[in-house]
Amino acid sequence: MHPDHCQGESGRSLGYEDLWKAGGIPRVTDRLQSILHMDVMTCTGKSMKENIDGYHYRFDENNDLIKTMDEPFASRGGLVVLRGNLAPKSGVSKPTAIDPSVRQFTGTAVVFDITFQRALPIK
C-alpha cells in the first residue's frame, strides 16, 4: 500500500478546482513517477514520461494539496478493502475522508449498500 499524496473534496476544505490549479493529474503523476511505469505509451503517441516532461503548468505548485513522495498526507493509502461480518461480499472505504475522531467507536454499525444512501435519513 502506498502513501496518500493528494486530497480534495470529501470533507476537506480544498476542492477539485484547487486540485486543477495545483497541477491536477499531471502533477500527481509527476510526483508518483518513482512508482509508475513511465515508459508506457499513451493515446498521445508519446510515453507517459514524455507527456509529463512536456506539460506546461498554468499555476504554481501547491504542496498543501498535492504532496511529495517524501512528505505524504498519510503513510497509508486512501482506500481500504473491507471484509468480514460487516462486508460479507467485501466493500471499499475511504478512511482519509473520515474525521480521525470518529474512525473508531463502540456501538451499532449502520451499513449502506451504495454511497448515495448515506445521505438518506436514518430511521
PDB file of N, CA and C in Angstrom:
ATOM      1  N   MET A   1       0.841  -1.169   0.000  1.00  0.00           N
ATOM      2  CA  MET A   1       0.000   0.000   0.000  1.00  0.00           C
ATOM      3  C   MET A   1       0.895   1.243   0.000  1.00  0.00           C
ATOM      4  N   HIS A   2       0.562   2.196  -0.835  1.00  0.00           N
ATOM      5  CA  HIS A   2       1.361   3.406  -0.966  1.00  0.00           C
ATOM      6  C   HIS A   2       0.773   4.540  -0.127  1.00  0.00           C
ATOM      7  N   PRO A   3       1.595   5.517   0.215  1.00  0.00           N
ATOM      8  CA  PRO A   3       1.119   6.662   0.995  1.00  0.00           C
ATOM      9  C   PRO A   3       0.067   7.479   0.246  1.00  0.00           C
ATOM     10  N   ASP A   4      -0.646   8.296   0.986  1.00  0.00           N
ATOM     11  CA  ASP A   4      -1.687   9.169   0.455  1.00  0.00           C
ATOM     12  C   ASP A   4      -1.040  10.504   0.085  1.00  0.00           C
ATOM     13  N   HIS A   5      -1.058  10.872  -1.213  1.00  0.00           N
ATOM     14  CA  HIS A   5      -0.343  12.055  -1.694  1.00  0.00           C
ATOM     15  C   HIS A   5      -1.227  13.222  -2.099  1.00  0.00           C
ATOM     16  N   CYS A   6      -2.517  12.987  -2.255  1.00  0.00           N
ATOM     17  CA  CYS A   6      -3.382  14.054  -2.756  1.00  0.00           C
ATOM     18  C   CYS A   6      -4.727  13.988  -2.048  1.00  0.00           C
ATOM     19  N   GLN A   7      -5.258  15.155  -1.685  1.00  0.00           N
ATOM     20  CA  GLN A   7      -6.555  15.195  -1.025  1.00  0.00           C
ATOM     21  C   GLN A   7      -7.396  16.300  -1.632  1.00  0.00           C
ATOM     22  N   GLY A   8      -8.684  16.049  -1.715  1.00  0.00           N
ATOM     23  CA  GLY A   8      -9.629  17.043  -2.202  1.00  0.00           C
ATOM     24  C   GLY A   8     -11.031  16.595  -1.859  1.00  0.00           C
ATOM     25  N   GLU A   9     -12.012  17.493  -1.926  1.00  0.00           N
ATOM     26  CA  GLU A   9     -13.407  17.218  -1.625  1.00  0.00           C
ATOM     27  C   GLU A   9     -13.559  16.330  -0.389  1.00  0.00           C
ATOM     28  N   SER A  10     -14.613  15.522  -0.348  1.00  0.00           N
ATOM     29  CA  SER A  10     -14.880  14.574   0.739  1.00  0.00           C
ATOM     30  C   SER A  10     -14.518  15.094   2.122  1.00  0.00           C
ATOM     31  N   GLY A  11     -15.100  16.203   2.513  1.00  0.00           N
ATOM     32  CA  GLY A  11     -14.881  16.703   3.856  1.00  0.00           C
ATOM     33  C   GLY A  11     -13.672  17.596   4.005  1.00  0.00           C
ATOM     34  N   ARG A  12     -12.956  17.835   2.952  1.00  0.00           N
ATOM     35  CA  ARG A  12     -11.780  18.700   3.012  1.00  0.00           C
ATOM     36  C   ARG A  12     -12.178  20.112   2.577  1.00  0.00           C
ATOM     37  N   SER A  13     -11.385  21.101   2.959  1.00  0.00           N
ATOM     38  CA  SER A  13     -11.684  22.479   2.574  1.00  0.00           C
ATOM     39  C   SER A  13     -11.225  22.789   1.151  1.00  0.00           C
ATOM     40  N   LEU A  14     -10.416  21.934   0.567  1.00  0.00           N
ATOM     41  CA  LEU A  14      -9.930  22.135  -0.794  1.00  0.00           C
ATOM     42  C   LEU A  14     -10.730  21.268  -1.749  1.00  0.00           C
ATOM     43  N   GLY A  15     -11.007  21.790  -2.943  1.00  0.00           N
ATOM     44  CA  GLY A  15     -11.833  21.055  -3.888  1.00  0.00           C
ATOM     45  C   GLY A  15     -11.145  20.766  -5.203  1.00  0.00           C
ATOM     46  N   TYR A  16     -11.930  20.348  -6.187  1.00  0.00           N
ATOM     47  CA  TYR A  16     -11.386  19.924  -7.464  1.00  0.00           C
ATOM     48  C   TYR A  16     -10.759  21.076  -8.248  1.00  0.00           C
ATOM     49  N   GLU A  17     -11.313  22.278  -8.140  1.00  0.00           N
ATOM     50  CA  GLU A  17     -10.690  23.414  -8.817  1.00  0.00           C
ATOM     51  C   GLU A  17      -9.315  23.693  -8.222  1.00  0.00           C
ATOM     52  N   ASP A  18      -9.205  23.541  -6.898  1.00  0.00           N
ATOM     53  CA  ASP A  18      -7.909  23.715  -6.240  1.00  0.00           C
ATOM     54  C   ASP A  18      -6.916  22.659  -6.730  1.00  0.00           C
ATOM     55  N   LEU A  19      -7.398  21.429  -6.894  1.00  0.00           N
ATOM     56  CA  LEU A  19      -6.549  20.351  -7.410  1.00  0.00           C
ATOM     57  C   LEU A  19      -6.052  20.704  -8.811  1.00  0.00           C
ATOM     58  N   TRP A  20      -6.942  21.196  -9.671  1.00  0.00           N
ATOM     59  CA  TRP A  20      -6.565  21.590 -11.034  1.00  0.00           C
ATOM     60  C   TRP A  20      -5.518  22.697 -10.996  1.00  0.00           C
ATOM     61  N   LYS A  21      -5.738  23.706 -10.152  1.00  0.00           N
ATOM     62  CA  LYS A  21      -4.798  24.822 -10.063  1.00  0.00           C
ATOM     63  C   LYS A  21      -3.443  24.390  -9.486  1.00  0.00           C
ATOM     64  N   ALA A  22      -3.440  23.322  -8.706  1.00  0.00           N
ATOM     65  CA  ALA A  22      -2.186  22.813  -8.142  1.00  0.00           C
ATOM     66  C   ALA A  22      -1.418  21.957  -9.148  1.00  0.00           C
ATOM     67  N   GLY A  23      -2.018  21.712 -10.306  1.00  0.00           N
ATOM     68  CA  GLY A  23      -1.341  20.920 -11.336  1.00  0.00           C
ATOM     69  C   GLY A  23      -2.112  19.704 -11.768  1.00  0.00           C
ATOM     70  N   GLY A  24      -3.171  19.385 -11.037  1.00  0.00           N
ATOM     71  CA  GLY A  24      -4.048  18.290 -11.419  1.00  0.00           C
ATOM     72  C   GLY A  24      -3.361  16.943 -11.526  1.00  0.00           C
ATOM     73  N   ILE A  25      -3.952  16.099 -12.369  1.00  0.00           N
ATOM     74  CA  ILE A  25      -3.439  14.740 -12.553  1.00  0.00           C
ATOM     75  C   ILE A  25      -2.003  14.750 -13.102  1.00  0.00           C
ATOM     76  N   PRO A  26      -1.647  15.676 -13.999  1.00  0.00           N
ATOM     77  CA  PRO A  26      -0.234  15.696 -14.429  1.00  0.00           C
ATOM     78  C   PRO A  26       0.740  15.891 -13.262  1.00  0.00           C
ATOM     79  N   ARG A  27       0.416  16.778 -12.309  1.00  0.00           N
ATOM     80  CA  ARG A  27       1.302  16.999 -11.162  1.00  0.00           C
ATOM     81  C   ARG A  27       1.335  15.753 -10.270  1.00  0.00           C
ATOM     82  N   VAL A  28       0.169  15.129 -10.061  1.00  0.00           N
ATOM     83  CA  VAL A  28       0.124  13.899  -9.258  1.00  0.00           C
ATOM     84  C   VAL A  28       0.976  12.825  -9.936  1.00  0.00           C
ATOM     85  N   THR A  29       0.809  12.679 -11.246  1.00  0.00           N
ATOM     86  CA  THR A  29       1.605  11.694 -11.996  1.00  0.00           C
ATOM     87  C   THR A  29       3.094  11.999 -11.878  1.00  0.00           C
ATOM     88  N   ASP A  30       3.442  13.270 -12.000  1.00  0.00           N
ATOM     89  CA  ASP A  30       4.847  13.676 -11.869  1.00  0.00           C
ATOM     90  C   ASP A  30       5.400  13.293 -10.499  1.00  0.00           C
ATOM     91  N   ARG A  31       4.613  13.534  -9.459  1.00  0.00           N
ATOM     92  CA  ARG A  31       5.068  13.233  -8.094  1.00  0.00           C
ATOM     93  C   ARG A  31       5.197  11.723  -7.858  1.00  0.00           C
ATOM     94  N   LEU A  32       4.432  10.923  -8.602  1.00  0.00           N
ATOM     95  CA  LEU A  32       4.432   9.466  -8.394  1.00  0.00           C
ATOM     96  C   LEU A  32       5.314   8.714  -9.386  1.00  0.00           C
ATOM     97  N   GLN A  33       6.126   9.422 -10.154  1.00  0.00           N
ATOM     98  CA  GLN A  33       6.934   8.776 -11.195  1.00  0.00           C
ATOM     99  C   GLN A  33       7.738   7.583 -10.696  1.00  0.00           C
ATOM    100  N   SER A  34       8.235   7.667  -9.482  1.00  0.00           N
ATOM    101  CA  SER A  34       9.104   6.594  -8.973  1.00  0.00           C
ATOM    102  C   SER A  34       8.368   5.270  -8.784  1.00  0.00           C
ATOM    103  N   ILE A  35       7.041   5.294  -8.741  1.00  0.00           N
ATOM    104  CA  ILE A  35       6.292   4.034  -8.558  1.00  0.00           C
ATOM    105  C   ILE A  35       5.414   3.699  -9.773  1.00  0.00           C
ATOM    106  N   LEU A  36       5.506   4.489 -10.837  1.00  0.00           N
ATOM    107  CA  LEU A  36       4.725   4.257 -12.048  1.00  0.00           C
ATOM    108  C   LEU A  36       5.615   3.751 -13.182  1.00  0.00           C
ATOM    109  N   HIS A  37       5.000   3.106 -14.166  1.00  0.00           N
ATOM    110  CA  HIS A  37       5.701   2.680 -15.377  1.00  0.00           C
ATOM    111  C   HIS A  37       5.601   3.834 -16.366  1.00  0.00           C
ATOM    112  N   MET A  38       6.568   4.736 -16.330  1.00  0.00           N
ATOM    113  CA  MET A  38       6.521   5.965 -17.127  1.00  0.00           C
ATOM    114  C   MET A  38       6.836   5.749 -18.598  1.00  0.00           C
ATOM    115  N   ASP A  39       7.269   4.519 -18.960  1.00  0.00           N
ATOM    116  CA  ASP A  39       7.603   4.247 -20.355  1.00  0.00           C
ATOM    117  C   ASP A  39       6.411   3.771 -21.168  1.00  0.00           C
ATOM    118  N   VAL A  40       5.240   3.611 -20.540  1.00  0.00           N
ATOM    119  CA  VAL A  40       4.071   3.125 -21.276  1.00  0.00           C
ATOM    120  C   VAL A  40       3.617   4.170 -22.294  1.00  0.00           C
ATOM    121  N   MET A  41       3.113   3.679 -23.420  1.00  0.00           N
ATOM    122  CA  MET A  41       2.627   4.544 -24.484  1.00  0.00           C
ATOM    123  C   MET A  41       1.220   5.030 -24.118  1.00  0.00           C
ATOM    124  N   THR A  42       0.941   6.287 -24.405  1.00  0.00           N
ATOM    125  CA  THR A  42      -0.381   6.857 -24.127  1.00  0.00           C
ATOM    126  C   THR A  42      -1.104   7.155 -25.440  1.00  0.00           C
ATOM    127  N   CYS A  43      -2.330   7.630 -25.350  1.00  0.00           N
ATOM    128  CA  CYS A  43      -3.113   7.933 -26.554  1.00  0.00           C
ATOM    129  C   CYS A  43      -2.551   9.118 -27.329  1.00  0.00           C
ATOM    130  N   THR A  44      -1.597   9.833 -26.767  1.00  0.00           N
ATOM    131  CA  THR A  44      -0.966  10.960 -27.475  1.00  0.00           C
ATOM    132  C   THR A  44       0.116  10.479 -28.442  1.00  0.00           C
ATOM    133  N   GLY A  45       0.469   9.187 -28.352  1.00  0.00           N
ATOM    134  CA  GLY A  45       1.560   8.658 -29.170  1.00  0.00           C
ATOM    135  C   GLY A  45       2.906   8.832 -28.502  1.00  0.00           C
ATOM    136  N   LYS A  46       2.908   9.373 -27.294  1.00  0.00           N
ATOM    137  CA  LYS A  46       4.136   9.571 -26.522  1.00  0.00           C
ATOM    138  C   LYS A  46       4.052   8.742 -25.244  1.00  0.00           C
ATOM    139  N   SER A  47       5.211   8.548 -24.621  1.00  0.00           N
ATOM    140  CA  SER A  47       5.220   7.834 -23.341  1.00  0.00           C
ATOM    141  C   SER A  47       4.661   8.753 -22.254  1.00  0.00           C
ATOM    142  N   MET A  48       4.278   8.176 -21.148  1.00  0.00           N
ATOM    143  CA  MET A  48       3.781   8.983 -20.034  1.00  0.00           C
ATOM    144  C   MET A  48       4.857   9.962 -19.583  1.00  0.00           C
ATOM    145  N   LYS A  49       6.116   9.523 -19.557  1.00  0.00           N
ATOM    146  CA  LYS A  49       7.214  10.400 -19.157  1.00  0.00           C
ATOM    147  C   LYS A  49       7.346  11.587 -20.107  1.00  0.00           C
ATOM    148  N   GLU A  50       7.262  11.331 -21.410  1.00  0.00           N
ATOM    149  CA  GLU A  50       7.340  12.428 -22.381  1.00  0.00           C
ATOM    150  C   GLU A  50       6.202  13.428 -22.173  1.00  0.00           C
ATOM    151  N   ASN A  51       4.998  12.921 -21.913  1.00  0.00           N
ATOM    152  CA  ASN A  51       3.857  13.808 -21.671  1.00  0.00           C
ATOM    153  C   ASN A  51       4.068  14.668 -20.432  1.00  0.00           C
ATOM    154  N   ILE A  52       4.530  14.063 -19.351  1.00  0.00           N
ATOM    155  CA  ILE A  52       4.728  14.809 -18.101  1.00  0.00           C
ATOM    156  C   ILE A  52       5.879  15.798 -18.243  1.00  0.00           C
ATOM    157  N   ASP A  53       6.972  15.363 -18.877  1.00  0.00           N
ATOM    158  CA  ASP A  53       8.129  16.256 -19.051  1.00  0.00           C
ATOM    159  C   ASP A  53       7.782  17.473 -19.911  1.00  0.00           C
ATOM    160  N   GLY A  54       6.838  17.305 -20.854  1.00  0.00           N
ATOM    161  CA  GLY A  54       6.478  18.395 -21.739  1.00  0.00           C
ATOM    162  C   GLY A  54       5.257  19.187 -21.294  1.00  0.00           C
ATOM    163  N   TYR A  55       4.699  18.840 -20.140  1.00  0.00           N
ATOM    164  CA  TYR A  55       3.477  19.510 -19.678  1.00  0.00           C
ATOM    165  C   TYR A  55       3.786  20.910 -19.151  1.00  0.00           C
ATOM    166  N   HIS A  56       2.975  21.877 -19.540  1.00  0.00           N
ATOM    167  CA  HIS A  56       3.138  23.263 -19.062  1.00  0.00           C
ATOM    168  C   HIS A  56       2.062  23.532 -18.010  1.00  0.00           C
ATOM    169  N   TYR A  57       2.482  23.776 -16.781  1.00  0.00           N
ATOM    170  CA  TYR A  57       1.550  24.065 -15.692  1.00  0.00           C
ATOM    171  C   TYR A  57       1.150  25.529 -15.721  1.00  0.00           C
ATOM    172  N   ARG A  58      -0.136  25.810 -15.550  1.00  0.00           N
ATOM    173  CA  ARG A  58      -0.642  27.188 -15.574  1.00  0.00           C
ATOM    174  C   ARG A  58      -0.437  27.911 -14.245  1.00  0.00           C
ATOM    175  N   PHE A  59      -0.350  27.138 -13.167  1.00  0.00           N
ATOM    176  CA  PHE A  59      -0.250  27.726 -11.837  1.00  0.00           C
ATOM    177  C   PHE A  59       0.936  27.129 -11.094  1.00  0.00           C
ATOM    178  N   ASP A  60       1.315  27.786 -10.007  1.00  0.00           N
ATOM    179  CA  ASP A  60       2.411  27.289  -9.171  1.00  0.00           C
ATOM    180  C   ASP A  60       1.996  26.014  -8.436  1.00  0.00           C
ATOM    181  N   GLU A  61       2.990  25.290  -7.978  1.00  0.00           N
ATOM    182  CA  GLU A  61       2.738  24.101  -7.167  1.00  0.00           C
ATOM    183  C   GLU A  61       1.982  24.479  -5.904  1.00  0.00           C
ATOM    184  N   ASN A  62       1.200  23.528  -5.385  1.00  0.00           N
ATOM    185  CA  ASN A  62       0.526  23.704  -4.103  1.00  0.00           C
ATOM    186  C   ASN A  62       0.817  22.458  -3.277  1.00  0.00           C
ATOM    187  N   ASN A  63       1.895  22.511  -2.504  1.00  0.00           N
ATOM    188  CA  ASN A  63       2.296  21.350  -1.708  1.00  0.00           C
ATOM    189  C   ASN A  63       1.351  21.071  -0.546  1.00  0.00           C
ATOM    190  N   ASP A  64       0.408  21.986  -0.285  1.00  0.00           N
ATOM    191  CA  ASP A  64      -0.610  21.715   0.730  1.00  0.00           C
ATOM    192  C   ASP A  64      -1.679  20.785   0.186  1.00  0.00           C
ATOM    193  N   LEU A  65      -1.794  20.695  -1.137  1.00  0.00           N
ATOM    194  CA  LEU A  65      -2.824  19.859  -1.752  1.00  0.00           C
ATOM    195  C   LEU A  65      -2.249  18.602  -2.390  1.00  0.00           C
ATOM    196  N   ILE A  66      -1.159  18.750  -3.128  1.00  0.00           N
ATOM    197  CA  ILE A  66      -0.511  17.590  -3.756  1.00  0.00           C
ATOM    198  C   ILE A  66       0.865  17.448  -3.116  1.00  0.00           C
ATOM    199  N   LYS A  67       0.986  16.447  -2.279  1.00  0.00           N
ATOM    200  CA  LYS A  67       2.219  16.236  -1.517  1.00  0.00           C
ATOM    201  C   LYS A  67       3.279  15.517  -2.345  1.00  0.00           C
ATOM    202  N   THR A  68       4.491  15.563  -1.865  1.00  0.00           N
ATOM    203  CA  THR A  68       5.597  14.853  -2.498  1.00  0.00           C
ATOM    204  C   THR A  68       5.689  13.446  -1.912  1.00  0.00           C
ATOM    205  N   MET A  69       6.503  12.613  -2.542  1.00  0.00           N
ATOM    206  CA  MET A  69       6.708  11.250  -2.025  1.00  0.00           C
ATOM    207  C   MET A  69       7.374  11.286  -0.656  1.00  0.00           C
ATOM    208  N   ASP A  70       8.182  12.309  -0.406  1.00  0.00           N
ATOM    209  CA  ASP A  70       8.888  12.410   0.867  1.00  0.00           C
ATOM    210  C   ASP A  70       7.999  12.901   2.013  1.00  0.00           C
ATOM    211  N   GLU A  71       6.937  13.637   1.689  1.00  0.00           N
ATOM    212  CA  GLU A  71       6.057  14.194   2.716  1.00  0.00           C
ATOM    213  C   GLU A  71       4.587  13.966   2.370  1.00  0.00           C
ATOM    214  N   PRO A  72       4.109  12.707   2.412  1.00  0.00           N
ATOM    215  CA  PRO A  72       2.715  12.421   2.074  1.00  0.00           C
ATOM    216  C   PRO A  72       1.761  12.899   3.178  1.00  0.00           C
ATOM    217  N   PHE A  73       0.471  12.976   2.856  1.00  0.00           N
ATOM    218  CA  PHE A  73      -0.548  13.306   3.854  1.00  0.00           C
ATOM    219  C   PHE A  73      -0.595  12.231   4.933  1.00  0.00           C
ATOM    220  N   ALA A  74      -0.519  10.999   4.493  1.00  0.00           N
ATOM    221  CA  ALA A  74      -0.606   9.874   5.418  1.00  0.00           C
ATOM    222  C   ALA A  74       0.328   8.773   4.929  1.00  0.00           C
ATOM    223  N   SER A  75       0.773   7.946   5.836  1.00  0.00           N
ATOM    224  CA  SER A  75       1.704   6.878   5.467  1.00  0.00           C
ATOM    225  C   SER A  75       1.004   5.723   4.762  1.00  0.00           C
ATOM    226  N   ARG A  76      -0.329   5.682   4.843  1.00  0.00           N
ATOM    227  CA  ARG A  76      -1.097   4.617   4.190  1.00  0.00           C
ATOM    228  C   ARG A  76      -2.012   5.230   3.153  1.00  0.00           C
ATOM    229  N   GLY A  77      -2.398   4.429   2.172  1.00  0.00           N
ATOM    230  CA  GLY A  77      -3.232   4.898   1.073  1.00  0.00           C
ATOM    231  C   GLY A  77      -4.628   5.326   1.466  1.00  0.00           C
ATOM    232  N   GLY A  78      -5.354   5.900   0.507  1.00  0.00           N
ATOM    233  CA  GLY A  78      -6.656   6.483   0.770  1.00  0.00           C
ATOM    234  C   GLY A  78      -7.832   5.544   0.673  1.00  0.00           C
ATOM    235  N   LEU A  79      -7.659   4.323   0.200  1.00  0.00           N
ATOM    236  CA  LEU A  79      -8.762   3.371   0.089  1.00  0.00           C
ATOM    237  C   LEU A  79      -8.427   2.086   0.826  1.00  0.00           C
ATOM    238  N   VAL A  80      -9.455   1.484   1.412  1.00  0.00           N
ATOM    239  CA  VAL A  80      -9.283   0.228   2.140  1.00  0.00           C
ATOM    240  C   VAL A  80     -10.368  -0.735   1.681  1.00  0.00           C
ATOM    241  N   VAL A  81      -9.994  -1.982   1.392  1.00  0.00           N
ATOM    242  CA  VAL A  81     -10.965  -3.020   1.049  1.00  0.00           C
ATOM    243  C   VAL A  81     -11.380  -3.706   2.340  1.00  0.00           C
ATOM    244  N   LEU A  82     -12.692  -3.747   2.568  1.00  0.00           N
ATOM    245  CA  LEU A  82     -13.236  -4.335   3.796  1.00  0.00           C
ATOM    246  C   LEU A  82     -13.711  -5.754   3.544  1.00  0.00           C
ATOM    247  N   ARG A  83     -13.537  -6.592   4.559  1.00  0.00           N
ATOM    248  CA  ARG A  83     -14.041  -7.970   4.523  1.00  0.00           C
ATOM    249  C   ARG A  83     -14.492  -8.335   5.921  1.00  0.00           C
ATOM    250  N   GLY A  84     -15.377  -9.297   6.013  1.00  0.00           N
ATOM    251  CA  GLY A  84     -15.812  -9.740   7.332  1.00  0.00           C
ATOM    252  C   GLY A  84     -17.315  -9.635   7.500  1.00  0.00           C
ATOM    253  N   ASN A  85     -17.774  -9.683   8.766  1.00  0.00           N
ATOM    254  CA  ASN A  85     -19.209  -9.732   9.002  1.00  0.00           C
ATOM    255  C   ASN A  85     -19.953  -8.455   8.598  1.00  0.00           C
ATOM    256  N   LEU A  86     -19.297  -7.291   8.587  1.00  0.00           N
ATOM    257  CA  LEU A  86     -19.957  -6.066   8.133  1.00  0.00           C
ATOM    258  C   LEU A  86     -19.959  -5.936   6.611  1.00  0.00           C
ATOM    259  N   ALA A  87     -19.081  -6.662   5.951  1.00  0.00           N
ATOM    260  CA  ALA A  87     -18.988  -6.599   4.493  1.00  0.00           C
ATOM    261  C   ALA A  87     -18.749  -8.008   3.950  1.00  0.00           C
ATOM    262  N   PRO A  88     -19.754  -8.908   4.050  1.00  0.00           N
ATOM    263  CA  PRO A  88     -19.551 -10.306   3.651  1.00  0.00           C
ATOM    264  C   PRO A  88     -19.183 -10.479   2.178  1.00  0.00           C
ATOM    265  N   LYS A  89     -19.592  -9.561   1.321  1.00  0.00           N
ATOM    266  CA  LYS A  89     -19.227  -9.632  -0.098  1.00  0.00           C
ATOM    267  C   LYS A  89     -18.095  -8.660  -0.410  1.00  0.00           C
ATOM    268  N   SER A  90     -17.519  -8.095   0.604  1.00  0.00           N
ATOM    269  CA  SER A  90     -16.449  -7.096   0.577  1.00  0.00           C
ATOM    270  C   SER A  90     -17.023  -5.707   0.341  1.00  0.00           C
ATOM    271  N   GLY A  91     -16.208  -4.714   0.575  1.00  0.00           N
ATOM    272  CA  GLY A  91     -16.615  -3.327   0.413  1.00  0.00           C
ATOM    273  C   GLY A  91     -15.388  -2.450   0.347  1.00  0.00           C
ATOM    274  N   VAL A  92     -15.580  -1.181   0.018  1.00  0.00           N
ATOM    275  CA  VAL A  92     -14.475  -0.234  -0.081  1.00  0.00           C
ATOM    276  C   VAL A  92     -14.774   0.964   0.803  1.00  0.00           C
ATOM    277  N   SER A  93     -13.775   1.412   1.539  1.00  0.00           N
ATOM    278  CA  SER A  93     -13.917   2.572   2.409  1.00  0.00           C
ATOM    279  C   SER A  93     -12.798   3.553   2.092  1.00  0.00           C
ATOM    280  N   LYS A  94     -13.056   4.823   2.360  1.00  0.00           N
ATOM    281  CA  LYS A  94     -12.043   5.862   2.162  1.00  0.00           C
ATOM    282  C   LYS A  94     -11.776   6.494   3.526  1.00  0.00           C
ATOM    283  N   PRO A  95     -10.908   5.879   4.341  1.00  0.00           N
ATOM    284  CA  PRO A  95     -10.668   6.364   5.695  1.00  0.00           C
ATOM    285  C   PRO A  95     -10.151   7.796   5.768  1.00  0.00           C
ATOM    286  N   THR A  96      -9.445   8.255   4.746  1.00  0.00           N
ATOM    287  CA  THR A  96      -8.915   9.615   4.782  1.00  0.00           C
ATOM    288  C   THR A  96     -10.019  10.660   4.692  1.00  0.00           C
ATOM    289  N   ALA A  97     -11.223  10.243   4.274  1.00  0.00           N
ATOM    290  CA  ALA A  97     -12.354  11.175   4.192  1.00  0.00           C
ATOM    291  C   ALA A  97     -13.144  11.214   5.503  1.00  0.00           C
ATOM    292  N   ILE A  98     -12.754  10.396   6.458  1.00  0.00           N
ATOM    293  CA  ILE A  98     -13.452  10.317   7.743  1.00  0.00           C
ATOM    294  C   ILE A  98     -12.646  11.057   8.799  1.00  0.00           C
ATOM    295  N   ASP A  99     -13.303  11.916   9.526  1.00  0.00           N
ATOM    296  CA  ASP A  99     -12.641  12.659  10.606  1.00  0.00           C
ATOM    297  C   ASP A  99     -11.987  11.654  11.552  1.00  0.00           C
ATOM    298  N   PRO A 100     -10.695  11.826  11.851  1.00  0.00           N
ATOM    299  CA  PRO A 100      -9.985  10.875  12.716  1.00  0.00           C
ATOM    300  C   PRO A 100     -10.662  10.646  14.075  1.00  0.00           C
ATOM    301  N   SER A 101     -11.390  11.625  14.582  1.00  0.00           N
ATOM    302  CA  SER A 101     -12.028  11.473  15.894  1.00  0.00           C
ATOM    303  C   SER A 101     -13.167  10.463  15.888  1.00  0.00           C
ATOM    304  N   VAL A 102     -13.685  10.095  14.704  1.00  0.00           N
ATOM    305  CA  VAL A 102     -14.796   9.138  14.654  1.00  0.00           C
ATOM    306  C   VAL A 102     -14.431   7.846  13.923  1.00  0.00           C
ATOM    307  N   ARG A 103     -13.161   7.609  13.677  1.00  0.00           N
ATOM    308  CA  ARG A 103     -12.745   6.403  12.967  1.00  0.00           C
ATOM    309  C   ARG A 103     -12.893   5.137  13.795  1.00  0.00           C
ATOM    310  N   GLN A 104     -12.926   5.276  15.088  1.00  0.00           N
ATOM    311  CA  GLN A 104     -13.104   4.106  15.953  1.00  0.00           C
ATOM    312  C   GLN A 104     -14.200   4.415  16.963  1.00  0.00           C
ATOM    313  N   PHE A 105     -15.151   3.513  17.094  1.00  0.00           N
ATOM    314  CA  PHE A 105     -16.231   3.705  18.055  1.00  0.00           C
ATOM    315  C   PHE A 105     -16.750   2.351  18.507  1.00  0.00           C
ATOM    316  N   THR A 106     -17.540   2.364  19.544  1.00  0.00           N
ATOM    317  CA  THR A 106     -18.216   1.165  20.025  1.00  0.00           C
ATOM    318  C   THR A 106     -19.702   1.432  19.929  1.00  0.00           C
ATOM    319  N   GLY A 107     -20.416   0.534  19.288  1.00  0.00           N
ATOM    320  CA  GLY A 107     -21.855   0.723  19.135  1.00  0.00           C
ATOM    321  C   GLY A 107     -22.372  -0.051  17.949  1.00  0.00           C
ATOM    322  N   THR A 108     -23.604   0.247  17.545  1.00  0.00           N
ATOM    323  CA  THR A 108     -24.250  -0.420  16.430  1.00  0.00           C
ATOM    324  C   THR A 108     -23.826   0.243  15.123  1.00  0.00           C
ATOM    325  N   ALA A 109     -23.379  -0.547  14.181  1.00  0.00           N
ATOM    326  CA  ALA A 109     -22.945  -0.025  12.886  1.00  0.00           C
ATOM    327  C   ALA A 109     -24.127   0.099  11.944  1.00  0.00           C
ATOM    328  N   VAL A 110     -24.109   1.118  11.106  1.00  0.00           N
ATOM    329  CA  VAL A 110     -25.090   1.290  10.045  1.00  0.00           C
ATOM    330  C   VAL A 110     -24.337   1.118   8.738  1.00  0.00           C
ATOM    331  N   VAL A 111     -24.753   0.144   7.920  1.00  0.00           N
ATOM    332  CA  VAL A 111     -24.044  -0.186   6.697  1.00  0.00           C
ATOM    333  C   VAL A 111     -24.941   0.114   5.501  1.00  0.00           C
ATOM    334  N   PHE A 112     -24.376   0.776   4.481  1.00  0.00           N
ATOM    335  CA  PHE A 112     -25.116   1.124   3.279  1.00  0.00           C
ATOM    336  C   PHE A 112     -24.586   0.321   2.107  1.00  0.00           C
ATOM    337  N   ASP A 113     -25.487  -0.039   1.187  1.00  0.00           N
ATOM    338  CA  ASP A 113     -25.083  -0.788   0.003  1.00  0.00           C
ATOM    339  C   ASP A 113     -24.377   0.088  -1.020  1.00  0.00           C
ATOM    340  N   ILE A 114     -24.780   1.343  -1.132  1.00  0.00           N
ATOM    341  CA  ILE A 114     -24.185   2.247  -2.115  1.00  0.00           C
ATOM    342  C   ILE A 114     -24.030   3.631  -1.508  1.00  0.00           C
ATOM    343  N   THR A 115     -23.112   4.406  -2.051  1.00  0.00           N
ATOM    344  CA  THR A 115     -22.720   5.690  -1.473  1.00  0.00           C
ATOM    345  C   THR A 115     -23.871   6.653  -1.267  1.00  0.00           C
ATOM    346  N   PHE A 116     -24.759   6.836  -2.264  1.00  0.00           N
ATOM    347  CA  PHE A 116     -25.781   7.868  -2.131  1.00  0.00           C
ATOM    348  C   PHE A 116     -26.776   7.573  -1.024  1.00  0.00           C
ATOM    349  N   GLN A 117     -26.890   6.333  -0.578  1.00  0.00           N
ATOM    350  CA  GLN A 117     -27.811   6.004   0.502  1.00  0.00           C
ATOM    351  C   GLN A 117     -27.411   6.673   1.814  1.00  0.00           C
ATOM    352  N   ARG A 118     -26.145   7.001   1.974  1.00  0.00           N
ATOM    353  CA  ARG A 118     -25.704   7.613   3.228  1.00  0.00           C
ATOM    354  C   ARG A 118     -26.343   8.967   3.454  1.00  0.00           C
ATOM    355  N   ALA A 119     -26.856   9.591   2.383  1.00  0.00           N
ATOM    356  CA  ALA A 119     -27.484  10.906   2.502  1.00  0.00           C
ATOM    357  C   ALA A 119     -28.954  10.793   2.921  1.00  0.00           C
ATOM    358  N   LEU A 120     -29.511   9.587   2.898  1.00  0.00           N
ATOM    359  CA  LEU A 120     -30.904   9.394   3.286  1.00  0.00           C
ATOM    360  C   LEU A 120     -31.027   9.443   4.806  1.00  0.00           C
ATOM    361  N   PRO A 121     -32.157   9.909   5.322  1.00  0.00           N
ATOM    362  CA  PRO A 121     -32.321   9.951   6.781  1.00  0.00           C
ATOM    363  C   PRO A 121     -32.285   8.559   7.398  1.00  0.00           C
ATOM    364  N   ILE A 122     -31.694   8.460   8.558  1.00  0.00           N
ATOM    365  CA  ILE A 122     -31.635   7.196   9.286  1.00  0.00           C
ATOM    366  C   ILE A 122     -32.828   7.126  10.222  1.00  0.00           C
ATOM    367  N   LYS A 123     -33.586   6.053  10.145  1.00  0.00           N
ATOM    368  CA  LYS A 123     -34.789   5.896  10.979  1.00  0.00           C
ATOM    369  C   LYS A 123     -34.493   5.068  12.199  1.00  0.00           C
TER     370      LYS A 123
END
